[in-house]
C-alpha atoms as a PDB file:
ATOM      1  CA  MET A   1       0.180   0.133  -0.036  1.00  0.00           C
ATOM      2  CA  ALA A   2       0.583   3.369  -0.818  1.00  0.00           C
ATOM      3  CA  VAL A   3      -0.641   6.632   0.931  1.00  0.00           C
ATOM      4  CA  ASN A   4       0.364   9.332  -1.328  1.00  0.00           C
ATOM      5  CA  ARG A   5       3.547   7.902  -1.913  1.00  0.00           C
ATOM      6  CA  ASP A   6       4.068   9.799  -5.518  1.00  0.00           C
ATOM      7  CA  LYS A   7       2.610  12.942  -4.711  1.00  0.00           C
ATOM      8  CA  VAL A   8       4.869  15.208  -3.285  1.00  0.00           C
ATOM      9  CA  ASP A   9       2.964  18.151  -3.548  1.00  0.00           C
ATOM     10  CA  LEU A  10       0.477  16.562  -0.904  1.00  0.00           C
ATOM     11  CA  TRP A  11       3.319  16.455   1.767  1.00  0.00           C
ATOM     12  CA  LYS A  12       4.358  19.806   2.399  1.00  0.00           C
ATOM     13  CA  ALA A  13       1.640  20.562   5.050  1.00  0.00           C
ATOM     14  CA  ASP A  14       2.778  17.572   6.847  1.00  0.00           C
ATOM     15  CA  VAL A  15       6.650  18.684   6.018  1.00  0.00           C
ATOM     16  CA  ALA A  16       5.811  22.094   7.520  1.00  0.00           C
ATOM     17  CA  THR A  17       4.637  20.339  10.305  1.00  0.00           C
ATOM     18  CA  SER A  18       7.369  17.957  11.275  1.00  0.00           C
ATOM     19  CA  VAL A  19       9.952  20.798  10.341  1.00  0.00           C
ATOM     20  CA  ASP A  20       8.164  23.391  13.107  1.00  0.00           C
ATOM     21  CA  PHE A  21       8.111  20.744  15.770  1.00  0.00           C
ATOM     22  CA  TYR A  22      11.134  19.412  15.228  1.00  0.00           C
ATOM     23  CA  ASN A  23      12.551  23.119  15.362  1.00  0.00           C
ATOM     24  CA  GLU A  24      10.461  23.743  18.565  1.00  0.00           C
ATOM     25  CA  TRP A  25      12.284  20.910  20.348  1.00  0.00           C
ATOM     26  CA  PHE A  26      15.848  21.327  18.839  1.00  0.00           C
ATOM     27  CA  MET A  27      15.772  24.412  20.315  1.00  0.00           C
ATOM     28  CA  ALA A  28      14.658  23.844  23.929  1.00  0.00           C
ATOM     29  CA  PHE A  29      16.950  20.572  24.301  1.00  0.00           C
ATOM     30  CA  ALA A  30      20.089  21.603  21.510  1.00  0.00           C
ATOM     31  CA  PRO A  31      21.861  23.984  23.941  1.00  0.00           C
ATOM     32  CA  GLY A  32      21.318  22.384  27.074  1.00  0.00           C
ATOM     33  CA  ALA A  33      23.159  19.098  25.049  1.00  0.00           C
ATOM     34  CA  PHE A  34      25.877  21.449  23.507  1.00  0.00           C
ATOM     35  CA  ARG A  35      26.818  22.949  26.944  1.00  0.00           C
ATOM     36  CA  GLU A  36      26.921  19.613  28.778  1.00  0.00           C
ATOM     37  CA  THR A  37      28.885  18.086  26.183  1.00  0.00           C
ATOM     38  CA  ARG A  38      30.981  21.507  26.011  1.00  0.00           C
ATOM     39  CA  ILE A  39      31.990  21.146  29.938  1.00  0.00           C
ATOM     40  CA  ALA A  40      32.726  17.189  29.835  1.00  0.00           C
ATOM     41  CA  THR A  41      34.791  17.291  26.510  1.00  0.00           C
ATOM     42  CA  THR A  42      36.668  20.959  27.837  1.00  0.00           C
ATOM     43  CA  GLU A  43      37.713  18.393  30.626  1.00  0.00           C
ATOM     44  CA  GLN A  44      39.072  16.013  28.951  1.00  0.00           C
ATOM     45  CA  VAL A  45      40.667  18.237  26.280  1.00  0.00           C
ATOM     46  CA  ALA A  46      42.714  20.020  29.468  1.00  0.00           C
ATOM     47  CA  SER A  47      44.006  16.795  30.801  1.00  0.00           C
ATOM     48  CA  ALA A  48      44.885  15.593  27.598  1.00  0.00           C
ATOM     49  CA  LEU A  49      46.929  18.528  26.833  1.00  0.00           C
ATOM     50  CA  VAL A  50      48.549  17.443  30.986  1.00  0.00           C
ATOM     51  CA  LEU A  51      49.491  14.543  29.790  1.00  0.00           C
ATOM     52  CA  THR A  52      51.230  15.615  26.325  1.00  0.00           C
ATOM     53  CA  GLU A  53      53.172  18.320  27.812  1.00  0.00           C
ATOM     54  CA  ASN A  54      50.612  20.562  25.907  1.00  0.00           C
ATOM     55  CA  LEU A  55      51.256  18.829  22.559  1.00  0.00           C
ATOM     56  CA  THR A  56      54.602  18.965  22.600  1.00  0.00           C
ATOM     57  CA  ASN A  57      55.644  15.632  23.710  1.00  0.00           C
ATOM     58  CA  ILE A  58      53.343  12.782  22.581  1.00  0.00           C
ATOM     59  CA  THR A  59      55.061   9.923  23.250  1.00  0.00           C
ATOM     60  CA  PRO A  60      54.106   6.315  22.321  1.00  0.00           C
ATOM     61  CA  GLU A  61      54.786   5.525  26.315  1.00  0.00           C
ATOM     62  CA  THR A  62      51.786   8.252  27.005  1.00  0.00           C
ATOM     63  CA  LEU A  63      49.148   6.867  24.264  1.00  0.00           C
ATOM     64  CA  ARG A  64      49.503   3.225  25.154  1.00  0.00           C
ATOM     65  CA  ALA A  65      48.995   4.633  28.913  1.00  0.00           C
ATOM     66  CA  ASN A  66      46.012   6.845  27.907  1.00  0.00           C
ATOM     67  CA  PRO A  67      44.448   5.604  24.609  1.00  0.00           C
ATOM     68  CA  SER A  68      41.761   7.692  25.228  1.00  0.00           C
ATOM     69  CA  VAL A  69      43.096  10.914  23.971  1.00  0.00           C
ATOM     70  CA  LEU A  70      43.341   9.945  20.699  1.00  0.00           C
ATOM     71  CA  SER A  71      39.994  11.421  19.583  1.00  0.00           C
ATOM     72  CA  MET A  72      41.214  14.776  21.187  1.00  0.00           C
ATOM     73  CA  LEU A  73      44.641  14.912  19.240  1.00  0.00           C
ATOM     74  CA  ARG A  74      42.573  14.435  15.757  1.00  0.00           C
ATOM     75  CA  MET A  75      40.619  17.613  16.564  1.00  0.00           C
ATOM     76  CA  ALA A  76      43.753  19.414  17.566  1.00  0.00           C
ATOM     77  CA  THR A  77      45.365  19.321  13.932  1.00  0.00           C
ATOM     78  CA  CYS A  78      44.630  22.211  11.188  1.00  0.00           C
ATOM     79  CA  PRO A  79      42.558  20.506   9.217  1.00  0.00           C
ATOM     80  CA  PRO A  80      40.975  17.904  11.835  1.00  0.00           C
ATOM     81  CA  ILE A  81      41.903  14.650  10.845  1.00  0.00           C
ATOM     82  CA  ALA A  82      39.564  11.899  10.491  1.00  0.00           C
ATOM     83  CA  ARG A  83      39.666   8.111  12.115  1.00  0.00           C
ATOM     84  CA  ASP A  84      40.675   7.161   8.635  1.00  0.00           C
ATOM     85  CA  ARG A  85      42.710   9.789   7.276  1.00  0.00           C
ATOM     86  CA  LEU A  86      44.771   9.529  10.867  1.00  0.00           C
ATOM     87  CA  ILE A  87      45.212   6.018   9.888  1.00  0.00           C
ATOM     88  CA  GLY A  88      46.535   6.339   5.984  1.00  0.00           C
ATOM     89  CA  LEU A  89      48.526   9.535   6.936  1.00  0.00           C
ATOM     90  CA  ALA A  90      50.540   7.356   9.485  1.00  0.00           C
ATOM     91  CA  GLY A  91      50.394   3.887   8.233  1.00  0.00           C
ATOM     92  CA  VAL A  92      48.969   2.143  10.976  1.00  0.00           C
ATOM     93  CA  SER A  93      46.578  -0.704  11.694  1.00  0.00           C
ATOM     94  CA  PRO A  94      43.069   0.390  11.595  1.00  0.00           C
ATOM     95  CA  ASN A  95      42.114  -1.858  14.105  1.00  0.00           C
ATOM     96  CA  LEU A  96      44.891   0.007  16.256  1.00  0.00           C
ATOM     97  CA  VAL A  97      42.886   3.578  16.129  1.00  0.00           C
ATOM     98  CA  LYS A  98      39.713   1.725  16.290  1.00  0.00           C
ATOM     99  CA  THR A  99      40.396   0.025  19.647  1.00  0.00           C
ATOM    100  CA  MET A 100      41.984   2.940  21.155  1.00  0.00           C
ATOM    101  CA  GLU A 101      38.961   5.345  20.078  1.00  0.00           C
ATOM    102  CA  ASP A 102      35.936   2.822  20.953  1.00  0.00           C
ATOM    103  CA  SER A 103      37.433   1.013  23.663  1.00  0.00           C
ATOM    104  CA  GLN A 104      40.034   3.279  24.908  1.00  0.00           C
ATOM    105  CA  ARG A 105      42.397   0.509  25.219  1.00  0.00           C
ATOM    106  CA  VAL A 106      45.466  -0.467  22.826  1.00  0.00           C
ATOM    107  CA  PRO A 107      44.757  -3.955  20.888  1.00  0.00           C
ATOM    108  CA  PRO A 108      46.068  -6.656  23.437  1.00  0.00           C
ATOM    109  CA  THR A 109      47.103  -9.254  20.875  1.00  0.00           C
ATOM    110  CA  MET A 110      49.359  -6.621  19.247  1.00  0.00           C
ATOM    111  CA  LYS A 111      53.088  -7.018  19.268  1.00  0.00           C
ATOM    112  CA  GLU A 112      55.078  -4.543  21.520  1.00  0.00           C
ATOM    113  CA  ALA A 113      57.792  -3.783  19.456  1.00  0.00           C
ATOM    114  CA  GLU A 114      55.376  -2.889  16.399  1.00  0.00           C
ATOM    115  CA  LEU A 115      52.952  -1.291  18.905  1.00  0.00           C
ATOM    116  CA  ILE A 116      55.229   1.110  20.222  1.00  0.00           C
ATOM    117  CA  ALA A 117      56.270   1.678  16.541  1.00  0.00           C
ATOM    118  CA  GLN A 118      52.714   2.357  15.337  1.00  0.00           C
ATOM    119  CA  LEU A 119      51.924   4.788  18.417  1.00  0.00           C
ATOM    120  CA  GLY A 120      55.323   6.455  17.433  1.00  0.00           C
ATOM    121  CA  LYS A 121      53.856   7.568  13.913  1.00  0.00           C
ATOM    122  CA  ILE A 122      50.446   8.116  15.380  1.00  0.00           C
ATOM    123  CA  GLY A 123      52.356  11.109  17.826  1.00  0.00           C
ATOM    124  CA  ASP A 124      54.461  11.715  15.025  1.00  0.00           C
ATOM    125  CA  ILE A 125      51.429  13.274  12.615  1.00  0.00           C
ATOM    126  CA  ILE A 126      49.436  14.831  15.482  1.00  0.00           C
ATOM    127  CA  GLU A 127      52.809  17.053  16.515  1.00  0.00           C
ATOM    128  CA  ARG A 128      53.935  17.824  12.635  1.00  0.00           C
ATOM    129  CA  MET A 129      50.117  18.716  12.054  1.00  0.00           C
ATOM    130  CA  ALA A 130      49.142  20.584  15.377  1.00  0.00           C
ATOM    131  CA  ASP A 131      46.988  23.937  14.591  1.00  0.00           C
ATOM    132  CA  PRO A 132      49.558  26.177  14.629  1.00  0.00           C
ATOM    133  CA  ASP A 133      46.918  29.090  15.419  1.00  0.00           C
ATOM    134  CA  ILE A 134      45.574  27.194  18.034  1.00  0.00           C
ATOM    135  CA  PHE A 135      49.228  25.846  19.398  1.00  0.00           C
ATOM    136  CA  VAL A 136      50.600  29.136  19.488  1.00  0.00           C
ATOM    137  CA  TRP A 137      53.298  28.102  21.357  1.00  0.00           C
ATOM    138  CA  LYS A 138      55.015  25.218  19.957  1.00  0.00           C
ATOM    139  CA  GLN A 139      56.032  28.189  17.315  1.00  0.00           C
ATOM    140  CA  ARG A 140      57.841  29.455  20.368  1.00  0.00           C
ATOM    141  CA  ARG A 141      58.900  25.927  21.945  1.00  0.00           C
ATOM    142  CA  ASP A 142      57.458  26.532  24.914  1.00  0.00           C
ATOM    143  CA  GLN A 143      54.495  24.993  26.580  1.00  0.00           C
ATOM    144  CA  GLY A 144      52.343  28.381  26.659  1.00  0.00           C
ATOM    145  CA  THR A 145      50.988  30.474  29.229  1.00  0.00           C
ATOM    146  CA  LYS A 146      47.725  29.611  31.368  1.00  0.00           C
ATOM    147  CA  GLU A 147      45.577  31.873  29.076  1.00  0.00           C
ATOM    148  CA  GLU A 148      46.635  30.558  25.738  1.00  0.00           C
ATOM    149  CA  VAL A 149      46.555  26.913  27.022  1.00  0.00           C
ATOM    150  CA  GLN A 150      42.823  27.158  28.396  1.00  0.00           C
ATOM    151  CA  ARG A 151      41.921  28.946  25.022  1.00  0.00           C
ATOM    152  CA  ALA A 152      43.155  26.013  23.193  1.00  0.00           C
ATOM    153  CA  SER A 153      41.265  23.597  25.209  1.00  0.00           C
ATOM    154  CA  THR A 154      38.328  25.733  24.309  1.00  0.00           C
ATOM    155  CA  ILE A 155      38.902  25.886  20.647  1.00  0.00           C
ATOM    156  CA  VAL A 156      39.470  21.945  19.949  1.00  0.00           C
ATOM    157  CA  ALA A 157      36.195  21.286  22.893  1.00  0.00           C
ATOM    158  CA  ASP A 158      33.994  23.289  20.669  1.00  0.00           C
ATOM    159  CA  ARG A 159      35.724  20.704  17.990  1.00  0.00           C
ATOM    160  CA  LEU A 160      34.435  17.690  19.692  1.00  0.00           C
ATOM    161  CA  CYS A 161      31.080  19.393  20.618  1.00  0.00           C
ATOM    162  CA  GLY A 162      30.326  19.000  17.175  1.00  0.00           C
ATOM    163  CA  ALA A 163      31.085  15.182  16.787  1.00  0.00           C
ATOM    164  CA  VAL A 164      29.992  14.189  20.017  1.00  0.00           C
ATOM    165  CA  ALA A 165      26.542  16.238  20.923  1.00  0.00           C
ATOM    166  CA  ASN A 166      24.770  15.885  17.558  1.00  0.00           C
ATOM    167  CA  PRO A 167      24.785  12.050  17.971  1.00  0.00           C
ATOM    168  CA  ILE A 168      23.020  12.592  21.461  1.00  0.00           C
ATOM    169  CA  ILE A 169      20.719  15.222  19.650  1.00  0.00           C
ATOM    170  CA  ARG A 170      19.681  12.233  17.223  1.00  0.00           C
ATOM    171  CA  ASN A 171      19.153   9.782  19.875  1.00  0.00           C
ATOM    172  CA  ALA A 172      17.031  12.526  21.504  1.00  0.00           C
ATOM    173  CA  GLN A 173      15.546  12.870  18.909  1.00  0.00           C
ATOM    174  CA  GLU A 174      14.202   9.708  18.838  1.00  0.00           C
ATOM    175  CA  LYS A 175      13.278   9.108  22.133  1.00  0.00           C
ATOM    176  CA  ARG A 176      10.950  12.180  22.213  1.00  0.00           C
ATOM    177  CA  GLN A 177       8.942  10.453  18.887  1.00  0.00           C
ATOM    178  CA  LEU A 178       8.879   6.751  20.328  1.00  0.00           C
ATOM    179  CA  ALA A 179       7.885   8.923  23.565  1.00  0.00           C
ATOM    180  CA  SER A 180       4.974  10.325  21.695  1.00  0.00           C
ATOM    181  CA  ILE A 181       3.798   6.945  19.814  1.00  0.00           C
ATOM    182  CA  LYS A 182       4.028   5.173  23.836  1.00  0.00           C
ATOM    183  CA  LEU A 183       1.316   7.947  24.892  1.00  0.00           C
ATOM    184  CA  TRP A 184      -1.111   7.408  21.958  1.00  0.00           C
ATOM    185  CA  LEU A 185      -0.964   3.843  22.001  1.00  0.00           C
ATOM    186  CA  GLU A 186      -1.587   3.111  25.785  1.00  0.00           C
ATOM    187  CA  ALA A 187      -4.379   5.978  26.192  1.00  0.00           C
ATOM    188  CA  ARG A 188      -6.049   3.385  23.373  1.00  0.00           C
ATOM    189  CA  GLY A 189      -5.441   0.570  25.471  1.00  0.00           C
ATOM    190  CA  TYR A 190      -2.003  -0.900  23.815  1.00  0.00           C
ATOM    191  CA  ARG A 191       0.190  -2.694  26.457  1.00  0.00           C
ATOM    192  CA  GLU A 192       3.961  -2.446  25.747  1.00  0.00           C
ATOM    193  CA  LEU A 193       5.646  -5.870  25.881  1.00  0.00           C
ATOM    194  CA  ASN A 194       8.584  -7.224  27.504  1.00  0.00           C
ATOM    195  CA  SER A 195      11.367  -8.136  25.451  1.00  0.00           C
ATOM    196  CA  SER A 196      11.080 -11.740  27.534  1.00  0.00           C
ATOM    197  CA  GLU A 197       6.969 -11.677  25.874  1.00  0.00           C
ATOM    198  CA  ILE A 198       8.270 -11.819  22.172  1.00  0.00           C
ATOM    199  CA  ASN A 199       8.957 -15.424  20.404  1.00  0.00           C
ATOM    200  CA  GLY A 200       8.451 -14.018  17.161  1.00  0.00           C
ATOM    201  CA  LEU A 201       6.639 -11.358  14.629  1.00  0.00           C
ATOM    202  CA  THR A 202       3.366 -13.532  14.582  1.00  0.00           C
ATOM    203  CA  THR A 203       2.869 -14.280  18.201  1.00  0.00           C
ATOM    204  CA  MET A 204       2.911 -11.240  19.339  1.00  0.00           C
ATOM    205  CA  PRO A 205      -0.643 -10.889  21.425  1.00  0.00           C
ATOM    206  CA  THR A 206      -3.087  -8.426  20.076  1.00  0.00           C
ATOM    207  CA  GLY A 207      -3.334  -5.006  21.285  1.00  0.00           C
ATOM    208  CA  THR A 208       0.219  -4.759  22.332  1.00  0.00           C
ATOM    209  CA  PHE A 209       3.727  -2.726  21.110  1.00  0.00           C
ATOM    210  CA  ALA A 210       7.216  -2.567  21.005  1.00  0.00           C
ATOM    211  CA  PHE A 211      10.778  -0.822  20.813  1.00  0.00           C
ATOM    212  CA  ARG A 212      13.712  -1.827  19.236  1.00  0.00           C
ATOM    213  CA  PHE A 213      12.602  -5.207  18.037  1.00  0.00           C
ATOM    214  CA  ASN A 214      15.062  -7.478  16.025  1.00  0.00           C
ATOM    215  CA  VAL A 215      13.278  -8.975  12.978  1.00  0.00           C
ATOM    216  CA  PRO A 216      15.134 -11.821  11.285  1.00  0.00           C
ATOM    217  CA  ILE A 217      15.601 -11.624   7.463  1.00  0.00           C
ATOM    218  CA  THR A 218      17.045 -13.911   4.678  1.00  0.00           C
ATOM    219  CA  MET A 219      19.797 -12.343   2.577  1.00  0.00           C
ATOM    220  CA  ASP A 220      21.377 -13.446  -0.626  1.00  0.00           C
ATOM    221  CA  GLY A 221      23.024 -17.188  -0.457  1.00  0.00           C
ATOM    222  CA  GLY A 222      20.717 -17.966   2.643  1.00  0.00           C
ATOM    223  CA  LYS A 223      22.145 -16.198   5.403  1.00  0.00           C
ATOM    224  CA  GLN A 224      20.018 -15.279   8.369  1.00  0.00           C
ATOM    225  CA  VAL A 225      20.714 -11.209  10.077  1.00  0.00           C
ATOM    226  CA  ASN A 226      18.483  -9.263  12.162  1.00  0.00           C
ATOM    227  CA  ILE A 227      17.463  -5.790  11.001  1.00  0.00           C
ATOM    228  CA  ALA A 228      16.534  -3.629  14.156  1.00  0.00           C
ATOM    229  CA  ILE A 229      12.804  -1.859  13.591  1.00  0.00           C
ATOM    230  CA  ASP A 230      12.038   0.694  16.100  1.00  0.00           C
ATOM    231  CA  VAL A 231       8.247   0.043  16.549  1.00  0.00           C
ATOM    232  CA  VAL A 232       6.140  -2.844  16.264  1.00  0.00           C
ATOM    233  CA  ILE A 233       2.651  -2.604  17.042  1.00  0.00           C
ATOM    234  CA  MET A 234       0.045  -5.663  16.955  1.00  0.00           C
ATOM    235  CA  GLY A 235      -3.378  -4.771  16.270  1.00  0.00           C
ATOM    236  CA  LYS A 236      -6.135  -5.295  18.895  1.00  0.00           C
ATOM    237  CA  ASN A 237      -8.314  -7.121  15.844  1.00  0.00           C
ATOM    238  CA  ALA A 238      -5.150  -9.308  14.547  1.00  0.00           C
ATOM    239  CA  ARG A 239      -6.236 -12.614  13.838  1.00  0.00           C
ATOM    240  CA  GLN A 240      -3.661 -15.778  14.341  1.00  0.00           C
ATOM    241  CA  GLY A 241      -0.397 -15.346  12.103  1.00  0.00           C
ATOM    242  CA  ASP A 242      -0.985 -12.174  11.160  1.00  0.00           C
ATOM    243  CA  PHE A 243       1.905  -9.658  10.802  1.00  0.00           C
ATOM    244  CA  PRO A 244       2.298  -6.385  13.045  1.00  0.00           C
ATOM    245  CA  ALA A 245       2.829  -2.748  11.824  1.00  0.00           C
ATOM    246  CA  LEU A 246       6.457  -2.452  11.646  1.00  0.00           C
ATOM    247  CA  PHE A 247       7.613   1.257  12.080  1.00  0.00           C
ATOM    248  CA  GLU A 248      10.953   3.337  11.039  1.00  0.00           C
ATOM    249  CA  ALA A 249      11.388   6.527  13.058  1.00  0.00           C
ATOM    250  CA  LYS A 250      12.654   9.685  10.912  1.00  0.00           C
ATOM    251  CA  SER A 251      12.714  13.295  11.180  1.00  0.00           C
ATOM    252  CA  ALA A 252      11.758  15.866   9.183  1.00  0.00           C
ATOM    253  CA  GLY A 253      13.977  18.892  10.688  1.00  0.00           C
ATOM    254  CA  ASP A 254      14.344  20.256   6.830  1.00  0.00           C
ATOM    255  CA  PHE A 255      12.172  21.042   3.664  1.00  0.00           C
ATOM    256  CA  THR A 256      14.584  19.206   1.765  1.00  0.00           C
ATOM    257  CA  ASN A 257      15.123  15.828   3.113  1.00  0.00           C
ATOM    258  CA  THR A 258      11.420  14.416   2.945  1.00  0.00           C
ATOM    259  CA  ASN A 259      12.361  12.382   0.155  1.00  0.00           C
ATOM    260  CA  LYS A 260      15.952  10.784   1.164  1.00  0.00           C
ATOM    261  CA  ARG A 261      14.678   9.881   4.197  1.00  0.00           C
ATOM    262  CA  ARG A 262      12.305   7.539   2.642  1.00  0.00           C
ATOM    263  CA  LYS A 263      14.557   6.178   0.058  1.00  0.00           C
ATOM    264  CA  GLU A 264      17.026   5.584   3.154  1.00  0.00           C
ATOM    265  CA  GLU A 265      14.770   2.347   4.071  1.00  0.00           C
ATOM    266  CA  ALA A 266      13.745   1.153   0.820  1.00  0.00           C
ATOM    267  CA  ILE A 267      16.687  -1.824   0.886  1.00  0.00           C
ATOM    268  CA  LYS A 268      14.945  -2.710   4.664  1.00  0.00           C
ATOM    269  CA  MET A 269      11.568  -2.572   3.049  1.00  0.00           C
ATOM    270  CA  GLN A 270      13.172  -5.121   0.305  1.00  0.00           C
ATOM    271  CA  GLN A 271      14.621  -7.479   3.002  1.00  0.00           C
ATOM    272  CA  LEU A 272      11.329  -7.993   4.457  1.00  0.00           C
ATOM    273  CA  ARG A 273       9.515  -8.339   1.546  1.00  0.00           C
ATOM    274  CA  ARG A 274      11.732 -10.840   0.184  1.00  0.00           C
ATOM    275  CA  THR A 275      11.800 -13.102   3.571  1.00  0.00           C
ATOM    276  CA  TYR A 276       7.959 -12.570   4.586  1.00  0.00           C
ATOM    277  CA  GLY A 277       6.655 -11.473   0.923  1.00  0.00           C
ATOM    278  CA  ALA A 278       3.797  -8.906   0.904  1.00  0.00           C
ATOM    279  CA  ALA A 279       1.411  -9.193   3.402  1.00  0.00           C
ATOM    280  CA  ILE A 280       4.471  -7.107   5.877  1.00  0.00           C
ATOM    281  CA  THR A 281       3.945  -3.592   5.937  1.00  0.00           C
ATOM    282  CA  PHE A 282       6.807  -1.558   6.332  1.00  0.00           C
ATOM    283  CA  ASP A 283       5.991   2.746   7.436  1.00  0.00           C
ATOM    284  CA  LEU A 284       8.302   5.568   8.043  1.00  0.00           C
ATOM    285  CA  PHE A 285       7.030   7.634  10.897  1.00  0.00           C
ATOM    286  CA  TYR A 286       7.839  11.460  10.778  1.00  0.00           C
ATOM    287  CA  VAL A 287       5.847  14.034  12.663  1.00  0.00           C
ATOM    288  CA  ALA A 288       5.573  13.549  16.340  1.00  0.00           C
ATOM    289  CA  ILE A 289       1.654  13.485  17.220  1.00  0.00           C
ATOM    290  CA  LEU A 290       0.679  10.291  15.450  1.00  0.00           C
ATOM    291  CA  ILE A 291      -3.180  10.083  14.874  1.00  0.00           C
ATOM    292  CA  LEU A 292      -4.912   6.755  14.458  1.00  0.00           C
ATOM    293  CA  ALA A 293      -7.666   6.844  11.040  1.00  0.00           C
ATOM    294  CA  THR A 294      -8.062   3.284  10.780  1.00  0.00           C
ATOM    295  CA  TRP A 295      -6.499  -0.015  11.843  1.00  0.00           C
ATOM    296  CA  ASP A 296      -7.933  -2.715   9.659  1.00  0.00           C
ATOM    297  CA  MET A 297      -5.036  -5.740  10.367  1.00  0.00           C
ATOM    298  CA  ARG A 298      -7.544  -8.203   8.601  1.00  0.00           C
ATOM    299  CA  ARG A 299      -6.697  -6.687   5.456  1.00  0.00           C
ATOM    300  CA  GLN A 300      -3.427  -5.425   6.561  1.00  0.00           C
ATOM    301  CA  ARG A 301      -3.882  -2.095   6.151  1.00  0.00           C
ATOM    302  CA  ALA A 302      -3.006   0.843   8.302  1.00  0.00           C
ATOM    303  CA  LEU A 303      -3.976   4.153   7.437  1.00  0.00           C
ATOM    304  CA  ILE A 304      -1.859   6.290   9.998  1.00  0.00           C
ATOM    305  CA  GLY A 305      -2.739  10.035  10.183  1.00  0.00           C
ATOM    306  CA  PHE A 306       0.592  11.112   9.921  1.00  0.00           C
ATOM    307  CA  GLY A 307      -1.271  12.982   7.115  1.00  0.00           C
ATOM    308  CA  ASN A 308       0.138  12.359   3.500  1.00  0.00           C
ATOM    309  CA  ILE A 309       3.858  11.539   4.018  1.00  0.00           C
ATOM    310  CA  GLY A 310       4.676   9.059   1.667  1.00  0.00           C
ATOM    311  CA  LEU A 311       4.412   5.472   3.877  1.00  0.00           C
ATOM    312  CA  MET A 312       6.251   3.010   2.314  1.00  0.00           C
ATOM    313  CA  THR A 313       4.321  -0.679   2.992  1.00  0.00           C
END
């Protein structure tokens, strides 16, 4: 089923509603998120500068003992270095950099001599590319004044904030959407399931829903993997063997990416259809206020009142 999927001109009012609602939420939430992130990251940067003698002595021993400073050091260069670019420039193992940043440790099975050599290469690249407009003392070959170090810490922290706070904001936006769905469903007698109550898609009790549900699909070649579905709802009138309605939470935060967001989930739809057939549905949830117009699970049709946004089912 497609609800005005190919009538983009009919989406405009709904997109505008979504954009307004998202922007209102963003203005209320984002400043606090960035402030909290800036405080935490400024402290991290200041600590990293102390460990590296204000970026004048990045030794393998320091990196080995404090692997978590690496993400900050990448933001201290001109230009800031992406993880893959650092790996290429330094000629080091991708697993080394990934483990240091994601797990905050060095690979335990890496040979000692190779570890020290590669950490030395990373330190050399960072020192060579350190931003001279931020770390002005390096040109003087000293460790900088207290004011200069504080200023540098703030600048690098701001760079880190963009990378750290944006995922926080995206996750909070999705939680807001799921909370709106939960309120709407519970007000109409639906019950949220515990993970222990769910054995499969078609075994969900009627009138129930679940979040972050792993749905098994079959890939080309017969391999079975799980894909995460944001919302799974089994209608009150569902019959035995019926599929629940599947929803993906998306945000229309601007007027340019609505169609792009819909296309991002097309692969999931194809995988679901390939595994379960044409009876299964998969819809995109954009607007935060959910208004259920009609739900007829016997015919596997859901008309969801987030307006004329194109549904992919």
